[in-house]
């Protein structure tokens, strides 16, 4: 009977797939809030304000989106080893700045900074590794006001480093205080956006690209696309229309030489970028690498997860094909077939793998980081500055980074 009525059969299939798609999406969203049921209204309010998506990272609840074009990641955690609330916003700033409550121990920032506000300076310690830029930055009235608003308790820490502004609170703000957690988080994000806008006016900010977060299509959206294809194909069959294969062919983006096709399919905006070559790296850092028997390259393979098989963990250094449209460089880290980090820089001297064994004996700026699961990825931003290296590494479900005192002391 179905073969005698293809249009009716097509309608039944379309309705069935649509219903199944919405059921799957409903349960998928409900699973995101498992263990965070009391925070669901607040996290949903934050997500709606940023047109963001809600996700999970192990036991942590994530809200990932954009606020006034600035990419934002909000993390809620009940873990004993993680802060309760962490808000990260990518901003166009290359300086470092740390606002630490009085009485808290931290080795971040080598130089203290006075803000000029005696009451604020009495509550917090402000430190930096870039004294001149930091004093200029906090001298702005708007920046200082927002730093004061962000420092809302003795458990609140603020850091600006490697183009990321972070606000960390040791515990999730108590929803029983009368002020909703969602409102508390959004107030922080608004203050951070003011600081980001001020950073954009700083000298050199125009050379630091900040890419907005691109929201992934949900299961329901993908189901809708699938339904559209089904309807199109069904109408073709019903009308007995034949199309040449060339019309149905979809051009695929070119894969840069040296990049695995499996990796290329997960890297965004790849058409505008190329894989860096040995000639794209220069300076003393290159000589340092060659002295240890290694040559800079755009593809770096390592065991970054600590448990991968050969070829599963790769890092790529990308350079814009048209510097006027895509300035700077990108470092993409893919671990176990998943993009774990995609970071932009104005310029890079070298990028290389640091074996896990070398990380254990490294000397660090500030407090020593958590132990790495596998190899680390060293990014040297300025060859003439031994302290400009940053090492990315996997620790549990998170990608962490730390700065060695002198990247030249590392053994490759």
Protein backbone atom coordinates (compact mmCIF):
# COMPACT_ATOMS: atom_id res chain seq x y z
CA UNK A 1 0.00 0.00 0.00
CA UNK A 2 2.88 2.38 0.80
CA UNK A 3 4.37 1.85 -2.68
CA UNK A 4 1.04 2.91 -4.21
CA UNK A 5 1.03 6.22 -2.26
CA UNK A 6 4.63 7.57 -2.19
CA UNK A 7 3.60 11.10 -1.17
CA UNK A 8 1.63 9.88 1.85
CA UNK A 9 4.53 7.61 2.83
CA UNK A 10 6.92 10.56 2.55
CA UNK A 11 4.73 12.70 4.82
CA UNK A 12 4.63 9.93 7.45
CA UNK A 13 8.44 9.61 7.35
CA UNK A 14 8.93 13.37 7.63
CA UNK A 15 6.60 13.64 10.65
CA UNK A 16 8.19 10.65 12.34
CA UNK A 17 11.73 11.94 11.92
CA UNK A 18 10.71 15.41 13.16
CA UNK A 19 9.09 14.02 16.29
CA UNK A 20 12.10 11.77 16.96
CA UNK A 21 14.47 14.73 16.51
CA UNK A 22 12.62 16.90 19.01
CA UNK A 23 12.44 14.04 21.54
CA UNK A 24 16.18 13.45 21.27
CA UNK A 25 16.90 17.18 21.62
CA UNK A 26 14.67 17.44 24.71
CA UNK A 27 16.46 14.61 26.52
CA UNK A 28 19.87 15.89 25.39
CA UNK A 29 19.21 19.30 26.96
CA UNK A 30 17.84 17.73 30.13
CA UNK A 31 21.03 15.65 30.47
CA UNK A 32 23.13 18.85 30.42
CA UNK A 33 21.62 19.94 33.75
CA UNK A 34 21.96 16.61 35.56
CA UNK A 35 23.37 17.48 39.00
CA UNK A 36 22.74 21.21 38.38
CA UNK A 37 18.94 21.20 38.46
CA UNK A 38 18.75 24.14 40.90
CA UNK A 39 20.94 26.22 38.56
CA UNK A 40 18.92 25.47 35.43
CA UNK A 41 16.87 28.73 35.47
CA UNK A 42 20.01 30.82 36.05
CA UNK A 43 22.15 29.03 33.44
CA UNK A 44 19.26 29.26 30.97
CA UNK A 45 18.93 33.01 31.61
CA UNK A 46 22.66 33.49 30.98
CA UNK A 47 22.47 31.40 27.81
CA UNK A 48 19.50 33.38 26.49
CA UNK A 49 21.22 36.72 27.17
CA UNK A 50 24.25 35.59 25.13
CA UNK A 51 22.35 33.45 22.60
CA UNK A 52 24.63 30.75 23.90
CA UNK A 53 24.64 26.97 24.07
CA UNK A 54 24.72 24.87 27.23
CA UNK A 55 27.17 21.97 27.34
CA UNK A 56 29.03 19.72 29.77
CA UNK A 57 32.76 19.21 30.35
CA UNK A 58 32.92 16.12 32.51
CA UNK A 59 31.17 17.04 35.77
CA UNK A 60 31.14 20.79 35.02
CA UNK A 61 28.28 22.76 33.44
CA UNK A 62 29.29 25.13 30.62
CA UNK A 63 27.55 28.09 28.98
CA UNK A 64 29.37 29.12 25.80
CA UNK A 65 28.44 32.09 23.60
CA UNK A 66 29.07 35.75 22.75
CA UNK A 67 28.29 38.99 24.57
CA UNK A 68 28.62 42.20 22.55
CA UNK A 69 30.78 40.24 20.04
CA UNK A 70 33.16 39.05 22.79
CA UNK A 71 33.39 35.23 23.14
CA UNK A 72 32.47 34.08 26.67
CA UNK A 73 32.75 30.75 28.48
CA UNK A 74 30.99 30.35 31.85
CA UNK A 75 31.85 27.27 33.92
CA UNK A 76 29.91 26.06 37.00
CA UNK A 77 31.51 23.31 39.08
CA UNK A 78 30.83 21.40 42.28
CA UNK A 79 34.20 19.64 42.12
CA UNK A 80 36.42 19.87 45.21
CA UNK A 81 39.43 20.66 43.01
CA UNK A 82 37.81 23.36 40.82
CA UNK A 83 36.45 26.86 41.57
CA UNK A 84 32.68 27.04 41.75
CA UNK A 85 32.38 29.76 39.09
CA UNK A 86 34.77 30.73 36.32
CA UNK A 87 33.96 33.28 33.60
CA UNK A 88 36.38 33.66 30.70
CA UNK A 89 36.16 36.31 27.99
CA UNK A 90 38.59 36.63 25.09
CA UNK A 91 39.69 40.27 24.66
CA UNK A 92 42.28 42.10 22.50
CA UNK A 93 44.96 42.60 25.16
CA UNK A 94 48.52 41.29 25.37
CA UNK A 95 49.36 42.54 28.88
CA UNK A 96 48.99 40.58 32.11
CA UNK A 97 47.04 41.83 35.14
CA UNK A 98 46.05 40.01 38.33
CA UNK A 99 43.65 41.25 41.02
CA UNK A 100 44.04 39.13 44.15
CA UNK A 101 42.16 39.57 47.47
CA UNK A 102 44.30 40.61 50.41
CA UNK A 103 45.35 37.62 52.46
CA UNK A 104 45.31 35.22 49.51
CA UNK A 105 48.56 33.61 48.40
CA UNK A 106 49.52 33.95 44.75
CA UNK A 107 52.76 34.32 42.82
CA UNK A 108 51.07 35.69 39.70
CA UNK A 109 52.61 38.91 38.40
CA UNK A 110 56.09 40.10 39.32
CA UNK A 111 55.32 43.82 39.81
CA UNK A 112 52.72 45.41 42.14
CA UNK A 113 50.50 48.13 40.69
CA UNK A 114 48.79 50.93 42.61
CA UNK A 115 45.40 51.87 41.18
CA UNK A 116 45.15 55.27 42.90
CA UNK A 117 42.02 54.23 44.81
CA UNK A 118 43.12 53.76 48.43
CA UNK A 119 40.04 51.78 49.48
CA UNK A 120 40.38 49.40 46.54
CA UNK A 121 44.16 49.00 47.06
CA UNK A 122 43.45 48.16 50.70
CA UNK A 123 41.18 45.28 49.69
CA UNK A 124 43.21 43.71 46.88
CA UNK A 125 46.71 43.24 45.49
CA UNK A 126 47.06 44.22 41.84
CA UNK A 127 50.10 42.72 40.09
CA UNK A 128 51.43 42.48 36.54
CA UNK A 129 54.30 41.37 34.34
CA UNK A 130 53.88 44.47 32.12
CA UNK A 131 54.09 47.48 34.48
CA UNK A 132 53.88 50.32 31.94
CA UNK A 133 50.93 48.86 30.01
CA UNK A 134 49.12 47.82 33.20
CA UNK A 135 49.38 51.29 34.80
CA UNK A 136 48.04 52.86 31.60
CA UNK A 137 45.22 50.32 31.49
CA UNK A 138 43.99 50.69 35.09
CA UNK A 139 44.32 54.49 34.92
CA UNK A 140 41.15 54.54 32.84
CA UNK A 141 38.11 55.34 34.99
CA UNK A 142 35.90 52.78 33.27
CA UNK A 143 38.39 49.93 33.76
CA UNK A 144 38.97 50.72 37.44
CA UNK A 145 35.23 50.97 38.15
CA UNK A 146 34.57 47.57 36.58
CA UNK A 147 37.48 45.93 38.37
CA UNK A 148 35.99 47.19 41.64
CA UNK A 149 32.58 45.77 40.71
CA UNK A 150 34.08 42.43 39.72
CA UNK A 151 35.96 42.20 43.05
CA UNK A 152 32.71 41.53 44.87
CA UNK A 153 34.07 39.28 47.63
CA UNK A 154 37.18 37.98 49.33
CA UNK A 155 36.80 34.81 47.25
CA UNK A 156 36.92 36.55 43.87
CA UNK A 157 40.05 36.52 41.69
CA UNK A 158 40.57 38.42 38.42
CA UNK A 159 43.25 37.64 35.86
CA UNK A 160 44.12 38.98 32.43
CA UNK A 161 46.70 36.92 30.57
CA UNK A 162 47.28 35.68 27.01
CA UNK A 163 44.30 37.64 25.73
CA UNK A 164 41.84 36.06 28.18
CA UNK A 165 40.07 37.97 30.97
CA UNK A 166 38.93 35.60 33.74
CA UNK A 167 36.84 36.09 36.86
CA UNK A 168 36.97 33.20 39.33
CA UNK A 169 34.88 32.71 42.46
CA UNK A 170 35.77 29.81 44.74
CA UNK A 171 32.11 28.88 45.26
CA UNK A 172 28.98 29.30 43.18
CA UNK A 173 27.16 32.44 44.40
CA UNK A 174 24.50 31.34 46.89
CA UNK A 175 21.09 31.32 45.22
CA UNK A 176 19.52 31.76 48.66
CA UNK A 177 20.96 35.28 49.14
CA UNK A 178 18.07 36.88 47.30
CA UNK A 179 20.14 37.82 44.25
CA UNK A 180 19.78 35.22 41.48
CA UNK A 181 22.99 33.54 40.38
CA UNK A 182 22.13 34.28 36.76
CA UNK A 183 21.88 38.02 37.45
CA UNK A 184 25.19 37.88 39.34
CA UNK A 185 26.92 36.20 36.38
CA UNK A 186 25.42 38.57 33.80
CA UNK A 187 26.51 41.61 35.84
CA UNK A 188 30.06 40.22 35.80
CA UNK A 189 29.90 39.62 32.04
CA UNK A 190 28.68 43.20 31.46
CA UNK A 191 31.60 44.56 33.51
CA UNK A 192 34.03 42.35 31.60
CA UNK A 193 32.64 43.65 28.30
CA UNK A 194 33.36 47.23 29.41
CA UNK A 195 36.95 46.20 30.15
CA UNK A 196 37.17 44.46 26.77
CA UNK A 197 35.96 47.60 24.98
CA UNK A 198 38.59 49.63 26.84
CA UNK A 199 41.28 47.11 25.86
CA UNK A 200 40.31 47.58 22.23
CA UNK A 201 41.39 51.22 22.53
CA UNK A 202 44.86 50.28 23.82
CA UNK A 203 47.86 50.63 21.46
CA UNK A 204 48.43 47.46 19.43
CA UNK A 205 44.98 46.01 20.15
CA UNK A 206 44.05 46.14 16.47
CA UNK A 207 46.68 43.47 15.74
CA UNK A 208 45.13 40.95 18.16
CA UNK A 209 42.24 39.08 16.51
CA UNK A 210 39.37 37.90 18.69
CA UNK A 211 37.09 35.44 16.92
CA UNK A 212 33.47 35.23 18.12
CA UNK A 213 32.26 31.84 19.28
CA UNK A 214 30.37 29.94 16.58
CA UNK A 215 27.40 28.07 17.97
CA UNK A 216 27.07 24.46 16.87
CA UNK A 217 23.83 23.42 15.25
CA UNK A 218 21.63 21.43 17.58
CA UNK A 219 20.18 18.01 16.92
CA UNK A 220 16.82 19.61 16.15
CA UNK A 221 18.37 21.88 13.53
CA UNK A 222 20.22 18.98 11.93
CA UNK A 223 16.97 17.02 11.92
CA UNK A 224 15.25 19.93 10.17
CA UNK A 225 17.97 19.96 7.52
CA UNK A 226 17.59 16.21 7.09
CA UNK A 227 13.85 16.65 6.68
CA UNK A 228 14.40 19.28 4.01
CA UNK A 229 16.60 16.86 2.11
CA UNK A 230 13.98 14.12 2.47
CA UNK A 231 11.25 16.41 1.14
CA UNK A 232 13.44 17.47 -1.78
CA UNK A 233 14.35 13.90 -2.69
CA UNK A 234 10.75 12.76 -2.27
CA UNK A 235 9.45 15.43 -4.60
CA UNK A 236 12.07 14.47 -7.16
CA UNK A 237 10.99 10.85 -6.98
CA UNK A 238 7.31 11.74 -7.12
CA UNK A 239 7.82 13.94 -10.17
CA UNK A 240 10.22 11.44 -11.80
CA UNK A 241 12.84 14.17 -12.36
CA UNK A 242 16.46 13.22 -13.07
CA UNK A 243 19.29 15.68 -12.32
CA UNK A 244 22.87 15.39 -13.65
CA UNK A 245 25.36 14.23 -11.03
CA UNK A 246 27.41 17.39 -11.57
CA UNK A 247 24.56 19.56 -10.26
CA UNK A 248 24.35 17.55 -7.03
CA UNK A 249 28.08 17.60 -6.43
CA UNK A 250 29.21 19.80 -3.53
CA UNK A 251 32.71 21.29 -3.70
CA UNK A 252 34.86 20.37 -0.72
CA UNK A 253 37.31 22.83 0.85
CA UNK A 254 40.94 22.23 -0.03
CA UNK A 255 42.95 20.46 2.67
CA UNK A 256 46.31 22.16 3.37
CA UNK A 257 49.31 20.03 2.45
CA UNK A 258 50.55 18.15 5.50
CA UNK A 259 47.22 18.23 7.38
CA UNK A 260 45.22 15.08 8.01
CA UNK A 261 41.85 15.08 6.27
CA UNK A 262 40.20 13.81 9.47
CA UNK A 263 41.56 16.83 11.37
CA UNK A 264 40.79 19.34 8.59
CA UNK A 265 37.09 18.51 8.73
CA UNK A 266 36.89 19.80 12.33
CA UNK A 267 38.88 23.06 12.01
CA UNK A 268 36.69 26.12 11.41
CA UNK A 269 37.25 28.66 8.61
CA UNK A 270 40.04 26.56 7.15
CA UNK A 271 39.60 28.02 3.66
CA UNK A 272 41.11 31.32 4.83
CA UNK A 273 44.22 29.75 6.40
CA UNK A 274 47.27 27.76 5.33
CA UNK A 275 49.61 25.48 7.24
CA UNK A 276 52.79 27.22 8.41
CA UNK A 277 56.11 26.13 6.90
CA UNK A 278 59.63 26.10 8.31
CA UNK A 279 60.38 29.39 6.54
CA UNK A 280 57.54 31.11 8.44
CA UNK A 281 59.52 30.81 11.69
CA UNK A 282 62.62 32.90 12.40
CA UNK A 283 64.78 34.27 15.19
CA UNK A 284 66.77 32.91 18.13
CA UNK A 285 64.02 30.48 19.09
CA UNK A 286 64.46 28.66 15.77
CA UNK A 287 68.20 28.34 16.43
CA UNK A 288 67.37 26.99 19.89
CA UNK A 289 65.14 24.31 18.35
CA UNK A 290 67.70 23.37 15.71
CA UNK A 291 70.34 23.13 18.42
CA UNK A 292 68.28 20.32 19.98
CA UNK A 293 67.88 18.57 16.64
CA UNK A 294 64.38 19.77 15.71
CA UNK A 295 63.08 21.88 12.80
CA UNK A 296 60.01 24.15 13.17
CA UNK A 297 56.95 22.97 11.25
CA UNK A 298 53.26 23.72 10.89
CA UNK A 299 52.21 20.24 12.09
CA UNK A 300 53.32 18.93 15.49
CA UNK A 301 52.49 15.36 16.50
CA UNK A 302 52.66 14.23 20.12
CA UNK A 303 51.03 12.16 22.82
CA UNK A 304 49.19 15.11 24.37
CA UNK A 305 46.45 13.00 25.98
CA UNK A 306 48.90 10.61 27.61
CA UNK A 307 46.97 7.60 26.33
CA UNK A 308 46.61 8.10 22.58
CA UNK A 309 47.75 5.90 19.77
CA UNK A 310 49.94 7.24 16.98
CA UNK A 311 48.35 9.96 14.88
CA UNK A 312 45.44 10.80 17.20
CA UNK A 313 47.02 13.93 18.76
CA UNK A 314 48.17 16.73 16.47
CA UNK A 315 48.74 20.45 16.70
CA UNK A 316 48.67 22.81 13.72
CA UNK A 317 50.09 26.30 13.24
CA UNK A 318 47.98 28.26 10.74
CA UNK A 319 48.74 31.52 8.92
CA UNK A 320 46.13 33.63 7.11
CA UNK A 321 46.25 33.38 3.34
CA UNK A 322 45.35 37.07 3.12
CA UNK A 323 46.96 38.94 6.06
CA UNK A 324 44.68 41.92 5.47
CA UNK A 325 41.59 39.79 6.14
CA UNK A 326 43.00 37.14 8.49
CA UNK A 327 45.98 38.68 10.32
CA UNK A 328 48.12 36.87 12.85
CA UNK A 329 48.52 33.14 13.46
CA UNK A 330 46.44 30.34 14.99
CA UNK A 331 47.47 27.31 17.02
CA UNK A 332 44.94 24.46 16.91
CA UNK A 333 45.33 21.49 19.28
CA UNK A 334 43.39 18.31 18.45
CA UNK A 335 43.43 15.48 21.00
CA UNK A 336 41.69 12.14 20.53
CA UNK A 337 39.88 13.40 17.41
CA UNK A 338 38.52 16.47 19.27
CA UNK A 339 39.52 20.14 18.94
CA UNK A 340 40.57 21.08 22.49
CA UNK A 341 42.13 24.51 21.83
CA UNK A 342 42.08 27.07 19.00
CA UNK A 343 44.05 30.18 20.00
CA UNK A 344 44.97 33.27 17.93
CA UNK A 345 48.18 35.28 18.27
CA UNK A 346 49.51 38.44 16.59
CA UNK A 347 52.77 36.60 15.90
CA UNK A 348 54.57 33.40 16.91
CA UNK A 349 58.28 32.60 16.93
CA UNK A 350 58.08 28.80 17.21
CA UNK A 351 55.69 26.05 18.30
CA UNK A 352 56.98 22.66 19.39
CA UNK A 353 56.24 19.62 21.52
CA UNK A 354 57.69 19.34 25.03
CA UNK A 355 57.86 15.72 26.27
CA UNK A 356 55.97 14.93 29.46
CA UNK A 357 59.22 13.99 31.20
CA UNK A 358 60.61 17.49 30.56
CA UNK A 359 57.54 19.18 32.07
CA UNK A 360 58.13 17.57 35.47
CA UNK A 361 61.48 19.33 35.89
CA UNK A 362 60.50 22.71 34.42
CA UNK A 363 60.75 25.99 36.38
CA UNK A 364 57.51 27.98 36.17
CA UNK A 365 56.43 31.58 36.51
CA UNK A 366 54.24 31.67 39.61
CA UNK A 367 52.71 28.56 41.14
CA UNK A 368 53.59 25.23 39.50
CA UNK A 369 50.65 23.93 37.42
CA UNK A 370 48.84 20.63 37.81
CA UNK A 371 50.50 17.52 36.43
CA UNK A 372 50.13 16.96 32.70
CA UNK A 373 48.50 13.81 31.32
CA UNK A 374 50.91 13.73 28.37
CA UNK A 375 53.22 15.90 26.31
CA UNK A 376 52.90 19.69 26.34
CA UNK A 377 52.69 22.14 23.42
CA UNK A 378 55.07 25.11 23.71
CA UNK A 379 54.12 28.38 21.98
CA UNK A 380 56.89 31.01 21.98
CA UNK A 381 55.39 34.40 21.20
CA UNK A 382 58.55 36.54 21.17
CA UNK A 383 61.93 34.97 20.45
CA UNK A 384 63.81 37.74 22.26
CA UNK A 385 61.84 37.22 25.50
CA UNK A 386 62.71 33.96 27.32
CA UNK A 387 59.61 34.38 29.49
CA UNK A 388 57.16 34.65 26.55
CA UNK A 389 56.64 30.91 26.21
CA UNK A 390 53.30 29.29 27.10
CA UNK A 391 52.81 25.54 27.41
CA UNK A 392 49.36 24.02 26.77
CA UNK A 393 48.69 20.59 28.24
CA UNK A 394 45.87 18.21 29.06
CA UNK A 395 44.96 17.59 32.70
CA UNK A 396 41.88 15.45 33.17
CA UNK A 397 39.00 16.97 31.19
CA UNK A 398 40.60 20.41 30.93
CA UNK A 399 43.24 22.05 28.78
CA UNK A 400 45.51 24.11 31.05
CA UNK A 401 48.39 26.43 30.26
CA UNK A 402 51.40 27.66 32.20
CA UNK A 403 54.43 29.85 31.48
CA UNK A 404 57.96 28.54 32.04
CA UNK A 405 60.50 31.00 33.44
CA UNK A 406 62.79 30.46 30.45
CA UNK A 407 61.64 28.34 27.51
CA UNK A 408 65.29 27.83 26.54
CA UNK A 409 65.83 25.67 29.64
CA UNK A 410 63.34 23.06 28.36
CA UNK A 411 64.58 19.83 26.87
CA UNK A 412 62.82 18.75 23.67
